[in-house]
PDB file of all heavy atoms in Angstrom:
ATOM      1  N   LYS A   1       0.929 -49.155 -53.646  1.00  0.00           N
ATOM      2  CA  LYS A   1       1.458 -50.117 -54.615  1.00  0.00           C
ATOM      3  C   LYS A   1       0.603 -51.409 -54.609  1.00  0.00           C
ATOM      4  O   LYS A   1       0.327 -51.977 -55.655  1.00  0.00           O
ATOM      5  CB  LYS A   1       2.930 -50.428 -54.227  1.00  0.00           C
ATOM      6  CG  LYS A   1       3.613 -51.358 -55.285  1.00  0.00           C
ATOM      7  CD  LYS A   1       5.072 -51.537 -54.927  1.00  0.00           C
ATOM      8  CE  LYS A   1       5.739 -52.456 -55.932  1.00  0.00           C
ATOM      9  NZ  LYS A   1       7.144 -52.724 -55.564  1.00  0.00           N
ATOM     10  N   GLU A   2       0.295 -51.905 -53.389  1.00  0.00           N
ATOM     11  CA  GLU A   2      -0.564 -53.062 -53.308  1.00  0.00           C
ATOM     12  C   GLU A   2      -1.927 -52.822 -53.927  1.00  0.00           C
ATOM     13  O   GLU A   2      -2.452 -53.695 -54.643  1.00  0.00           O
ATOM     14  CB  GLU A   2      -0.709 -53.472 -51.841  1.00  0.00           C
ATOM     15  CG  GLU A   2       0.610 -54.034 -51.221  1.00  0.00           C
ATOM     16  CD  GLU A   2       0.460 -54.356 -49.739  1.00  0.00           C
ATOM     17  OE1 GLU A   2      -0.705 -54.071 -49.227  1.00  0.00           O
ATOM     18  OE2 GLU A   2       1.343 -54.924 -49.150  1.00  0.00           O
ATOM     19  N   GLU A   3      -2.446 -51.640 -53.670  1.00  0.00           N
ATOM     20  CA  GLU A   3      -3.732 -51.295 -54.250  1.00  0.00           C
ATOM     21  C   GLU A   3      -3.701 -51.237 -55.738  1.00  0.00           C
ATOM     22  O   GLU A   3      -4.574 -51.751 -56.472  1.00  0.00           O
ATOM     23  CB  GLU A   3      -4.254 -49.978 -53.681  1.00  0.00           C
ATOM     24  CG  GLU A   3      -5.632 -49.564 -54.096  1.00  0.00           C
ATOM     25  CD  GLU A   3      -6.743 -50.458 -53.531  1.00  0.00           C
ATOM     26  OE1 GLU A   3      -6.426 -51.126 -52.525  1.00  0.00           O
ATOM     27  OE2 GLU A   3      -7.825 -50.537 -54.103  1.00  0.00           O
ATOM     28  N   ASN A   4      -2.544 -50.619 -56.279  1.00  0.00           N
ATOM     29  CA  ASN A   4      -2.375 -50.549 -57.697  1.00  0.00           C
ATOM     30  C   ASN A   4      -2.214 -51.917 -58.333  1.00  0.00           C
ATOM     31  O   ASN A   4      -2.679 -52.220 -59.375  1.00  0.00           O
ATOM     32  CB  ASN A   4      -1.207 -49.625 -58.011  1.00  0.00           C
ATOM     33  CG  ASN A   4      -1.477 -48.208 -57.692  1.00  0.00           C
ATOM     34  OD1 ASN A   4      -2.603 -47.737 -57.723  1.00  0.00           O
ATOM     35  ND2 ASN A   4      -0.447 -47.430 -57.351  1.00  0.00           N
ATOM     36  N   SER A   5      -1.472 -52.777 -57.567  1.00  0.00           N
ATOM     37  CA  SER A   5      -1.281 -54.152 -58.073  1.00  0.00           C
ATOM     38  C   SER A   5      -2.609 -54.893 -58.155  1.00  0.00           C
ATOM     39  O   SER A   5      -2.901 -55.605 -59.123  1.00  0.00           O
ATOM     40  CB  SER A   5      -0.317 -54.898 -57.137  1.00  0.00           C
ATOM     41  OG  SER A   5      -0.158 -56.248 -57.566  1.00  0.00           O
ATOM     42  N   LYS A   6      -3.398 -54.692 -57.135  1.00  0.00           N
ATOM     43  CA  LYS A   6      -4.763 -55.325 -57.166  1.00  0.00           C
ATOM     44  C   LYS A   6      -5.558 -54.790 -58.315  1.00  0.00           C
ATOM     45  O   LYS A   6      -6.278 -55.573 -58.985  1.00  0.00           O
ATOM     46  CB  LYS A   6      -5.439 -55.036 -55.823  1.00  0.00           C
ATOM     47  CG  LYS A   6      -6.780 -55.684 -55.651  1.00  0.00           C
ATOM     48  CD  LYS A   6      -7.401 -55.369 -54.270  1.00  0.00           C
ATOM     49  CE  LYS A   6      -8.767 -56.011 -54.115  1.00  0.00           C
ATOM     50  NZ  LYS A   6      -9.352 -55.686 -52.820  1.00  0.00           N
ATOM     51  N   LYS A   7      -5.498 -53.481 -58.496  1.00  0.00           N
ATOM     52  CA  LYS A   7      -6.297 -52.908 -59.628  1.00  0.00           C
ATOM     53  C   LYS A   7      -5.769 -53.391 -60.959  1.00  0.00           C
ATOM     54  O   LYS A   7      -6.519 -53.582 -61.901  1.00  0.00           O
ATOM     55  CB  LYS A   7      -6.284 -51.387 -59.509  1.00  0.00           C
ATOM     56  CG  LYS A   7      -7.092 -50.879 -58.298  1.00  0.00           C
ATOM     57  CD  LYS A   7      -7.074 -49.376 -58.250  1.00  0.00           C
ATOM     58  CE  LYS A   7      -7.897 -48.867 -57.003  1.00  0.00           C
ATOM     59  NZ  LYS A   7      -7.912 -47.397 -56.937  1.00  0.00           N
ATOM     60  N   GLU A   8      -4.439 -53.498 -61.066  1.00  0.00           N
ATOM     61  CA  GLU A   8      -3.881 -54.027 -62.305  1.00  0.00           C
ATOM     62  C   GLU A   8      -4.321 -55.481 -62.586  1.00  0.00           C
ATOM     63  O   GLU A   8      -4.585 -55.834 -63.687  1.00  0.00           O
ATOM     64  CB  GLU A   8      -2.357 -53.942 -62.255  1.00  0.00           C
ATOM     65  CG  GLU A   8      -1.811 -52.534 -62.332  1.00  0.00           C
ATOM     66  CD  GLU A   8      -0.279 -52.490 -62.232  1.00  0.00           C
ATOM     67  OE1 GLU A   8       0.291 -53.583 -61.978  1.00  0.00           O
ATOM     68  OE2 GLU A   8       0.292 -51.398 -62.393  1.00  0.00           O
ATOM     69  N   SER A   9      -4.405 -56.278 -61.467  1.00  0.00           N
ATOM     70  CA  SER A   9      -4.908 -57.643 -61.658  1.00  0.00           C
ATOM     71  C   SER A   9      -6.356 -57.607 -62.147  1.00  0.00           C
ATOM     72  O   SER A   9      -6.778 -58.433 -63.037  1.00  0.00           O
ATOM     73  CB  SER A   9      -4.826 -58.377 -60.315  1.00  0.00           C
ATOM     74  OG  SER A   9      -3.461 -58.477 -59.906  1.00  0.00           O
ATOM     75  N   GLU A  10      -7.170 -56.725 -61.514  1.00  0.00           N
ATOM     76  CA  GLU A  10      -8.536 -56.594 -61.987  1.00  0.00           C
ATOM     77  C   GLU A  10      -8.610 -56.133 -63.410  1.00  0.00           C
ATOM     78  O   GLU A  10      -9.423 -56.603 -64.243  1.00  0.00           O
ATOM     79  CB  GLU A  10      -9.300 -55.630 -61.068  1.00  0.00           C
ATOM     80  CG  GLU A  10      -9.496 -56.123 -59.652  1.00  0.00           C
ATOM     81  CD  GLU A  10     -10.189 -55.115 -58.771  1.00  0.00           C
ATOM     82  OE1 GLU A  10     -10.443 -54.013 -59.258  1.00  0.00           O
ATOM     83  OE2 GLU A  10     -10.449 -55.432 -57.580  1.00  0.00           O
ATOM     84  N   LEU A  11      -7.735 -55.223 -63.746  1.00  0.00           N
ATOM     85  CA  LEU A  11      -7.672 -54.711 -65.091  1.00  0.00           C
ATOM     86  C   LEU A  11      -7.293 -55.831 -66.108  1.00  0.00           C
ATOM     87  O   LEU A  11      -7.871 -55.946 -67.211  1.00  0.00           O
ATOM     88  CB  LEU A  11      -6.676 -53.546 -65.222  1.00  0.00           C
ATOM     89  CG  LEU A  11      -6.543 -52.862 -66.613  1.00  0.00           C
ATOM     90  CD1 LEU A  11      -7.849 -52.287 -67.060  1.00  0.00           C
ATOM     91  CD2 LEU A  11      -5.493 -51.796 -66.561  1.00  0.00           C
ATOM     92  N   LEU A  12      -6.289 -56.650 -65.696  1.00  0.00           N
ATOM     93  CA  LEU A  12      -5.881 -57.792 -66.533  1.00  0.00           C
ATOM     94  C   LEU A  12      -7.045 -58.770 -66.738  1.00  0.00           C
ATOM     95  O   LEU A  12      -7.267 -59.283 -67.870  1.00  0.00           O
ATOM     96  CB  LEU A  12      -4.689 -58.477 -65.931  1.00  0.00           C
ATOM     97  CG  LEU A  12      -4.114 -59.653 -66.729  1.00  0.00           C
ATOM     98  CD1 LEU A  12      -3.661 -59.242 -68.107  1.00  0.00           C
ATOM     99  CD2 LEU A  12      -2.943 -60.286 -65.950  1.00  0.00           C
ATOM    100  N   ARG A  13      -7.697 -59.042 -65.634  1.00  0.00           N
ATOM    101  CA  ARG A  13      -8.895 -59.959 -65.715  1.00  0.00           C
ATOM    102  C   ARG A  13      -9.958 -59.382 -66.630  1.00  0.00           C
ATOM    103  O   ARG A  13     -10.563 -60.111 -67.409  1.00  0.00           O
ATOM    104  CB  ARG A  13      -9.419 -60.235 -64.360  1.00  0.00           C
ATOM    105  CG  ARG A  13     -10.546 -61.248 -64.333  1.00  0.00           C
ATOM    106  CD  ARG A  13     -10.955 -61.703 -62.928  1.00  0.00           C
ATOM    107  NE  ARG A  13     -11.492 -60.574 -62.197  1.00  0.00           N
ATOM    108  CZ  ARG A  13     -10.890 -59.955 -61.226  1.00  0.00           C
ATOM    109  NH1 ARG A  13      -9.653 -60.316 -60.845  1.00  0.00           N
ATOM    110  NH2 ARG A  13     -11.475 -58.956 -60.533  1.00  0.00           N
ATOM    111  N   ALA A  14     -10.206 -58.067 -66.510  1.00  0.00           N
ATOM    112  CA  ALA A  14     -11.206 -57.394 -67.355  1.00  0.00           C
ATOM    113  C   ALA A  14     -10.775 -57.473 -68.816  1.00  0.00           C
ATOM    114  O   ALA A  14     -11.601 -57.717 -69.734  1.00  0.00           O
ATOM    115  CB  ALA A  14     -11.392 -55.990 -66.945  1.00  0.00           C
ATOM    116  N   ARG A  15      -9.466 -57.315 -69.083  1.00  0.00           N
ATOM    117  CA  ARG A  15      -8.973 -57.426 -70.441  1.00  0.00           C
ATOM    118  C   ARG A  15      -9.169 -58.830 -70.988  1.00  0.00           C
ATOM    119  O   ARG A  15      -9.571 -59.011 -72.218  1.00  0.00           O
ATOM    120  CB  ARG A  15      -7.521 -57.069 -70.500  1.00  0.00           C
ATOM    121  CG  ARG A  15      -7.242 -55.580 -70.346  1.00  0.00           C
ATOM    122  CD  ARG A  15      -5.726 -55.269 -70.381  1.00  0.00           C
ATOM    123  NE  ARG A  15      -5.470 -53.797 -70.298  1.00  0.00           N
ATOM    124  CZ  ARG A  15      -4.263 -53.298 -70.176  1.00  0.00           C
ATOM    125  NH1 ARG A  15      -3.199 -54.088 -70.155  1.00  0.00           N
ATOM    126  NH2 ARG A  15      -4.088 -51.996 -70.083  1.00  0.00           N
ATOM    127  N   ARG A  16      -8.903 -59.835 -70.166  1.00  0.00           N
ATOM    128  CA  ARG A  16      -9.120 -61.221 -70.653  1.00  0.00           C
ATOM    129  C   ARG A  16     -10.597 -61.474 -70.920  1.00  0.00           C
ATOM    130  O   ARG A  16     -10.956 -62.128 -71.908  1.00  0.00           O
ATOM    131  CB  ARG A  16      -8.620 -62.180 -69.588  1.00  0.00           C
ATOM    132  CG  ARG A  16      -7.091 -62.222 -69.398  1.00  0.00           C
ATOM    133  CD  ARG A  16      -6.621 -63.059 -68.270  1.00  0.00           C
ATOM    134  NE  ARG A  16      -5.201 -63.116 -68.120  1.00  0.00           N
ATOM    135  CZ  ARG A  16      -4.533 -63.688 -67.120  1.00  0.00           C
ATOM    136  NH1 ARG A  16      -5.255 -64.363 -66.165  1.00  0.00           N
ATOM    137  NH2 ARG A  16      -3.238 -63.680 -67.072  1.00  0.00           N
ATOM    138  N   GLU A  17     -11.449 -60.986 -69.993  1.00  0.00           N
ATOM    139  CA  GLU A  17     -12.899 -61.143 -70.240  1.00  0.00           C
ATOM    140  C   GLU A  17     -13.335 -60.464 -71.518  1.00  0.00           C
ATOM    141  O   GLU A  17     -14.160 -61.004 -72.274  1.00  0.00           O
ATOM    142  CB  GLU A  17     -13.633 -60.648 -69.035  1.00  0.00           C
ATOM    143  CG  GLU A  17     -13.503 -61.475 -67.756  1.00  0.00           C
ATOM    144  CD  GLU A  17     -14.192 -60.841 -66.598  1.00  0.00           C
ATOM    145  OE1 GLU A  17     -14.803 -59.714 -66.787  1.00  0.00           O
ATOM    146  OE2 GLU A  17     -14.170 -61.424 -65.512  1.00  0.00           O
ATOM    147  N   LEU A  18     -12.790 -59.254 -71.725  1.00  0.00           N
ATOM    148  CA  LEU A  18     -13.120 -58.505 -72.929  1.00  0.00           C
ATOM    149  C   LEU A  18     -12.647 -59.237 -74.161  1.00  0.00           C
ATOM    150  O   LEU A  18     -13.353 -59.298 -75.187  1.00  0.00           O
ATOM    151  CB  LEU A  18     -12.513 -57.099 -72.871  1.00  0.00           C
ATOM    152  CG  LEU A  18     -12.778 -56.185 -74.060  1.00  0.00           C
ATOM    153  CD1 LEU A  18     -14.298 -55.980 -74.198  1.00  0.00           C
ATOM    154  CD2 LEU A  18     -12.092 -54.853 -73.865  1.00  0.00           C
ATOM    155  N   GLU A  19     -11.447 -59.821 -74.100  1.00  0.00           N
ATOM    156  CA  GLU A  19     -10.889 -60.592 -75.242  1.00  0.00           C
ATOM    157  C   GLU A  19     -11.776 -61.826 -75.494  1.00  0.00           C
ATOM    158  O   GLU A  19     -12.061 -62.152 -76.691  1.00  0.00           O
ATOM    159  CB  GLU A  19      -9.479 -61.000 -74.931  1.00  0.00           C
ATOM    160  CG  GLU A  19      -8.767 -61.671 -76.113  1.00  0.00           C
ATOM    161  CD  GLU A  19      -8.566 -60.783 -77.313  1.00  0.00           C
ATOM    162  OE1 GLU A  19      -8.601 -59.536 -77.096  1.00  0.00           O
ATOM    163  OE2 GLU A  19      -8.501 -61.297 -78.415  1.00  0.00           O
ATOM    164  N   ALA A  20     -12.207 -62.503 -74.433  1.00  0.00           N
ATOM    165  CA  ALA A  20     -13.065 -63.656 -74.615  1.00  0.00           C
ATOM    166  C   ALA A  20     -14.430 -63.236 -75.216  1.00  0.00           C
ATOM    167  O   ALA A  20     -14.922 -63.904 -76.162  1.00  0.00           O
ATOM    168  CB  ALA A  20     -13.316 -64.365 -73.265  1.00  0.00           C
ATOM    169  N   LEU A  21     -14.966 -62.108 -74.774  1.00  0.00           N
ATOM    170  CA  LEU A  21     -16.227 -61.629 -75.366  1.00  0.00           C
ATOM    171  C   LEU A  21     -16.027 -61.237 -76.840  1.00  0.00           C
ATOM    172  O   LEU A  21     -16.899 -61.448 -77.627  1.00  0.00           O
ATOM    173  CB  LEU A  21     -16.678 -60.439 -74.535  1.00  0.00           C
ATOM    174  CG  LEU A  21     -17.211 -60.725 -73.128  1.00  0.00           C
ATOM    175  CD1 LEU A  21     -17.526 -59.492 -72.370  1.00  0.00           C
ATOM    176  CD2 LEU A  21     -18.456 -61.658 -73.175  1.00  0.00           C
ATOM    177  N   ARG A  22     -14.879 -60.662 -77.156  1.00  0.00           N
ATOM    178  CA  ARG A  22     -14.627 -60.272 -78.557  1.00  0.00           C
ATOM    179  C   ARG A  22     -14.543 -61.518 -79.403  1.00  0.00           C
ATOM    180  O   ARG A  22     -15.061 -61.551 -80.537  1.00  0.00           O
ATOM    181  CB  ARG A  22     -13.326 -59.450 -78.618  1.00  0.00           C
ATOM    182  CG  ARG A  22     -13.511 -58.027 -78.104  1.00  0.00           C
ATOM    183  CD  ARG A  22     -12.175 -57.292 -78.208  1.00  0.00           C
ATOM    184  NE  ARG A  22     -12.324 -55.902 -77.781  1.00  0.00           N
ATOM    185  CZ  ARG A  22     -11.302 -55.057 -77.600  1.00  0.00           C
ATOM    186  NH1 ARG A  22     -10.028 -55.481 -77.848  1.00  0.00           N
ATOM    187  NH2 ARG A  22     -11.524 -53.801 -77.190  1.00  0.00           N
ATOM    188  N   LYS A  23     -13.829 -62.559 -78.971  1.00  0.00           N
ATOM    189  CA  LYS A  23     -13.771 -63.768 -79.709  1.00  0.00           C
ATOM    190  C   LYS A  23     -15.161 -64.397 -79.869  1.00  0.00           C
ATOM    191  O   LYS A  23     -15.513 -64.854 -80.998  1.00  0.00           O
ATOM    192  CB  LYS A  23     -12.843 -64.789 -78.989  1.00  0.00           C
ATOM    193  CG  LYS A  23     -11.394 -64.355 -78.992  1.00  0.00           C
ATOM    194  CD  LYS A  23     -10.509 -65.429 -78.331  1.00  0.00           C
ATOM    195  CE  LYS A  23      -9.041 -64.989 -78.382  1.00  0.00           C
ATOM    196  NZ  LYS A  23      -8.164 -66.030 -77.653  1.00  0.00           N
ATOM    197  N   GLN A  24     -15.942 -64.411 -78.829  1.00  0.00           N
ATOM    198  CA  GLN A  24     -17.301 -64.946 -78.963  1.00  0.00           C
ATOM    199  C   GLN A  24     -18.141 -64.140 -79.866  1.00  0.00           C
ATOM    200  O   GLN A  24     -18.955 -64.650 -80.638  1.00  0.00           O
ATOM    201  CB  GLN A  24     -17.931 -65.037 -77.561  1.00  0.00           C
ATOM    202  CG  GLN A  24     -19.213 -65.808 -77.516  1.00  0.00           C
ATOM    203  CD  GLN A  24     -19.745 -65.961 -76.154  1.00  0.00           C
ATOM    204  OE1 GLN A  24     -19.167 -65.483 -75.188  1.00  0.00           O
ATOM    205  NE2 GLN A  24     -20.878 -66.738 -75.987  1.00  0.00           N
ATOM    206  N   HIS A  25     -17.933 -62.779 -79.859  1.00  0.00           N
ATOM    207  CA  HIS A  25     -18.643 -61.936 -80.765  1.00  0.00           C
ATOM    208  C   HIS A  25     -18.248 -62.205 -82.183  1.00  0.00           C
ATOM    209  O   HIS A  25     -19.126 -62.185 -83.100  1.00  0.00           O
ATOM    210  CB  HIS A  25     -18.343 -60.441 -80.341  1.00  0.00           C
ATOM    211  CG  HIS A  25     -19.053 -59.478 -81.246  1.00  0.00           C
ATOM    212  ND1 HIS A  25     -18.459 -58.925 -82.383  1.00  0.00           N
ATOM    213  CD2 HIS A  25     -20.277 -58.936 -81.157  1.00  0.00           C
ATOM    214  CE1 HIS A  25     -19.308 -58.089 -82.936  1.00  0.00           C
ATOM    215  NE2 HIS A  25     -20.442 -58.075 -82.217  1.00  0.00           N
ATOM    216  N   GLN A  26     -16.958 -62.416 -82.408  1.00  0.00           N
ATOM    217  CA  GLN A  26     -16.558 -62.746 -83.796  1.00  0.00           C
ATOM    218  C   GLN A  26     -17.122 -64.075 -84.270  1.00  0.00           C
ATOM    219  O   GLN A  26     -17.530 -64.188 -85.418  1.00  0.00           O
ATOM    220  CB  GLN A  26     -14.996 -62.788 -83.865  1.00  0.00           C
ATOM    221  CG  GLN A  26     -14.309 -61.467 -83.651  1.00  0.00           C
ATOM    222  CD  GLN A  26     -12.777 -61.576 -83.618  1.00  0.00           C
ATOM    223  OE1 GLN A  26     -12.281 -62.685 -83.625  1.00  0.00           O
ATOM    224  NE2 GLN A  26     -12.089 -60.457 -83.477  1.00  0.00           N
ATOM    225  N   LYS A  27     -17.178 -65.043 -83.329  1.00  0.00           N
ATOM    226  CA  LYS A  27     -17.760 -66.307 -83.695  1.00  0.00           C
ATOM    227  C   LYS A  27     -19.183 -66.174 -84.068  1.00  0.00           C
ATOM    228  O   LYS A  27     -19.690 -66.731 -85.023  1.00  0.00           O
ATOM    229  CB  LYS A  27     -17.529 -67.301 -82.538  1.00  0.00           C
ATOM    230  CG  LYS A  27     -17.985 -68.674 -82.818  1.00  0.00           C
ATOM    231  CD  LYS A  27     -17.703 -69.617 -81.596  1.00  0.00           C
ATOM    232  CE  LYS A  27     -18.136 -71.055 -81.889  1.00  0.00           C
ATOM    233  NZ  LYS A  27     -17.849 -71.909 -80.700  1.00  0.00           N
ATOM    234  N   LEU A  28     -19.927 -65.416 -83.208  1.00  0.00           N
ATOM    235  CA  LEU A  28     -21.321 -65.214 -83.513  1.00  0.00           C
ATOM    236  C   LEU A  28     -21.567 -64.414 -84.785  1.00  0.00           C
ATOM    237  O   LEU A  28     -22.504 -64.655 -85.497  1.00  0.00           O
ATOM    238  CB  LEU A  28     -22.013 -64.532 -82.307  1.00  0.00           C
ATOM    239  CG  LEU A  28     -22.109 -65.346 -81.006  1.00  0.00           C
ATOM    240  CD1 LEU A  28     -22.661 -64.537 -79.884  1.00  0.00           C
ATOM    241  CD2 LEU A  28     -22.959 -66.606 -81.239  1.00  0.00           C
ATOM    242  N   SER A  29     -20.641 -63.474 -85.019  1.00  0.00           N
ATOM    243  CA  SER A  29     -20.772 -62.664 -86.248  1.00  0.00           C
ATOM    244  C   SER A  29     -20.600 -63.574 -87.485  1.00  0.00           C
ATOM    245  O   SER A  29     -21.296 -63.341 -88.516  1.00  0.00           O
ATOM    246  CB  SER A  29     -19.715 -61.540 -86.255  1.00  0.00           C
ATOM    247  OG  SER A  29     -19.925 -60.691 -85.170  1.00  0.00           O
ATOM    248  N   LYS A  30     -19.654 -64.517 -87.390  1.00  0.00           N
ATOM    249  CA  LYS A  30     -19.482 -65.452 -88.548  1.00  0.00           C
ATOM    250  C   LYS A  30     -20.731 -66.287 -88.747  1.00  0.00           C
ATOM    251  O   LYS A  30     -21.140 -66.513 -89.863  1.00  0.00           O
ATOM    252  CB  LYS A  30     -18.284 -66.357 -88.264  1.00  0.00           C
ATOM    253  CG  LYS A  30     -16.967 -65.602 -88.329  1.00  0.00           C
ATOM    254  CD  LYS A  30     -15.786 -66.574 -88.074  1.00  0.00           C
ATOM    255  CE  LYS A  30     -14.404 -65.830 -88.094  1.00  0.00           C
ATOM    256  NZ  LYS A  30     -13.287 -66.737 -87.797  1.00  0.00           N
ATOM    257  N   LYS A  31     -21.271 -66.723 -87.622  1.00  0.00           N
ATOM    258  CA  LYS A  31     -22.542 -67.500 -87.751  1.00  0.00           C
ATOM    259  C   LYS A  31     -23.643 -66.661 -88.309  1.00  0.00           C
ATOM    260  O   LYS A  31     -24.462 -67.118 -89.119  1.00  0.00           O
ATOM    261  CB  LYS A  31     -22.894 -68.089 -86.406  1.00  0.00           C
ATOM    262  CG  LYS A  31     -21.991 -69.238 -85.897  1.00  0.00           C
ATOM    263  CD  LYS A  31     -22.483 -69.824 -84.587  1.00  0.00           C
ATOM    264  CE  LYS A  31     -21.598 -70.963 -84.163  1.00  0.00           C
ATOM    265  NZ  LYS A  31     -22.072 -71.539 -82.897  1.00  0.00           N
ATOM    266  N   LEU A  32     -23.733 -65.426 -87.855  1.00  0.00           N
ATOM    267  CA  LEU A  32     -24.768 -64.520 -88.395  1.00  0.00           C
ATOM    268  C   LEU A  32     -24.587 -64.309 -89.863  1.00  0.00           C
ATOM    269  O   LEU A  32     -25.540 -64.265 -90.604  1.00  0.00           O
ATOM    270  CB  LEU A  32     -24.712 -63.196 -87.601  1.00  0.00           C
ATOM    271  CG  LEU A  32     -25.786 -62.176 -87.998  1.00  0.00           C
ATOM    272  CD1 LEU A  32     -27.169 -62.754 -87.707  1.00  0.00           C
ATOM    273  CD2 LEU A  32     -25.593 -60.919 -87.202  1.00  0.00           C
ATOM    274  N   LEU A  33     -23.353 -64.176 -90.325  1.00  0.00           N
ATOM    275  CA  LEU A  33     -23.034 -63.988 -91.747  1.00  0.00           C
ATOM    276  C   LEU A  33     -23.461 -65.243 -92.518  1.00  0.00           C
ATOM    277  O   LEU A  33     -23.981 -65.131 -93.655  1.00  0.00           O
ATOM    278  CB  LEU A  33     -21.538 -63.718 -91.924  1.00  0.00           C
ATOM    279  CG  LEU A  33     -21.077 -63.443 -93.364  1.00  0.00           C
ATOM    280  CD1 LEU A  33     -21.803 -62.197 -93.947  1.00  0.00           C
ATOM    281  CD2 LEU A  33     -19.566 -63.300 -93.470  1.00  0.00           C
ATOM    282  N   LYS A  34     -23.228 -66.393 -91.866  1.00  0.00           N
ATOM    283  CA  LYS A  34     -23.621 -67.648 -92.518  1.00  0.00           C
ATOM    284  C   LYS A  34     -25.110 -67.756 -92.714  1.00  0.00           C
ATOM    285  O   LYS A  34     -25.582 -68.276 -93.745  1.00  0.00           O
ATOM    286  CB  LYS A  34     -23.147 -68.802 -91.654  1.00  0.00           C
ATOM    287  CG  LYS A  34     -23.467 -70.168 -92.214  1.00  0.00           C
ATOM    288  CD  LYS A  34     -22.924 -71.247 -91.276  1.00  0.00           C
ATOM    289  CE  LYS A  34     -23.354 -72.663 -91.811  1.00  0.00           C
ATOM    290  NZ  LYS A  34     -22.830 -73.735 -90.911  1.00  0.00           N
ATOM    291  N   TYR A  35     -25.869 -67.214 -91.747  1.00  0.00           N
ATOM    292  CA  TYR A  35     -27.357 -67.278 -91.827  1.00  0.00           C
ATOM    293  C   TYR A  35     -27.987 -65.986 -92.360  1.00  0.00           C
ATOM    294  O   TYR A  35     -29.137 -65.745 -92.173  1.00  0.00           O
ATOM    295  CB  TYR A  35     -27.924 -67.589 -90.437  1.00  0.00           C
ATOM    296  CG  TYR A  35     -27.588 -68.985 -89.925  1.00  0.00           C
ATOM    297  CD1 TYR A  35     -26.710 -69.093 -88.912  1.00  0.00           C
ATOM    298  CD2 TYR A  35     -28.185 -70.083 -90.524  1.00  0.00           C
ATOM    299  CE1 TYR A  35     -26.382 -70.373 -88.435  1.00  0.00           C
ATOM    300  CE2 TYR A  35     -27.861 -71.368 -90.061  1.00  0.00           C
ATOM    301  CZ  TYR A  35     -26.946 -71.489 -88.995  1.00  0.00           C
ATOM    302  OH  TYR A  35     -26.642 -72.726 -88.549  1.00  0.00           O
ATOM    303  N   SER A  36     -27.171 -65.173 -92.969  1.00  0.00           N
ATOM    304  CA  SER A  36     -27.700 -63.881 -93.500  1.00  0.00           C
ATOM    305  C   SER A  36     -28.718 -64.093 -94.582  1.00  0.00           C
ATOM    306  O   SER A  36     -29.585 -63.278 -94.899  1.00  0.00           O
ATOM    307  CB  SER A  36     -26.554 -63.004 -93.967  1.00  0.00           C
ATOM    308  OG  SER A  36     -25.789 -63.636 -95.006  1.00  0.00           O
ATOM    309  N   LEU A  37     -28.540 -65.255 -95.252  1.00  0.00           N
ATOM    310  CA  LEU A  37     -29.503 -65.558 -96.353  1.00  0.00           C
ATOM    311  C   LEU A  37     -30.934 -65.689 -95.799  1.00  0.00           C
ATOM    312  O   LEU A  37     -31.887 -65.195 -96.428  1.00  0.00           O
ATOM    313  CB  LEU A  37     -29.133 -66.935 -96.966  1.00  0.00           C
ATOM    314  CG  LEU A  37     -30.053 -67.468 -98.069  1.00  0.00           C
ATOM    315  CD1 LEU A  37     -30.076 -66.532 -99.263  1.00  0.00           C
ATOM    316  CD2 LEU A  37     -29.611 -68.862 -98.499  1.00  0.00           C
ATOM    317  N   PHE A  38     -31.097 -66.229 -94.610  1.00  0.00           N
ATOM    318  CA  PHE A  38     -32.420 -66.312 -93.991  1.00  0.00           C
ATOM    319  C   PHE A  38     -32.897 -64.943 -93.603  1.00  0.00           C
ATOM    320  O   PHE A  38     -34.117 -64.644 -93.650  1.00  0.00           O
ATOM    321  CB  PHE A  38     -32.344 -67.226 -92.790  1.00  0.00           C
ATOM    322  CG  PHE A  38     -32.014 -68.657 -93.114  1.00  0.00           C
ATOM    323  CD1 PHE A  38     -30.708 -69.123 -92.960  1.00  0.00           C
ATOM    324  CD2 PHE A  38     -32.955 -69.500 -93.641  1.00  0.00           C
ATOM    325  CE1 PHE A  38     -30.376 -70.390 -93.287  1.00  0.00           C
ATOM    326  CE2 PHE A  38     -32.610 -70.812 -93.899  1.00  0.00           C
ATOM    327  CZ  PHE A  38     -31.343 -71.239 -93.770  1.00  0.00           C
TER     328      PHE A  38
END
């Protein structure tokens, strides 16, 4: 149970990191769309 709790914490942290990366990816995608003219 402790091992699973630890892994769940790591999984939650990985999900947060993935969510932050997705937000940053969306932000960069918007900027890329803005500069698509170039």
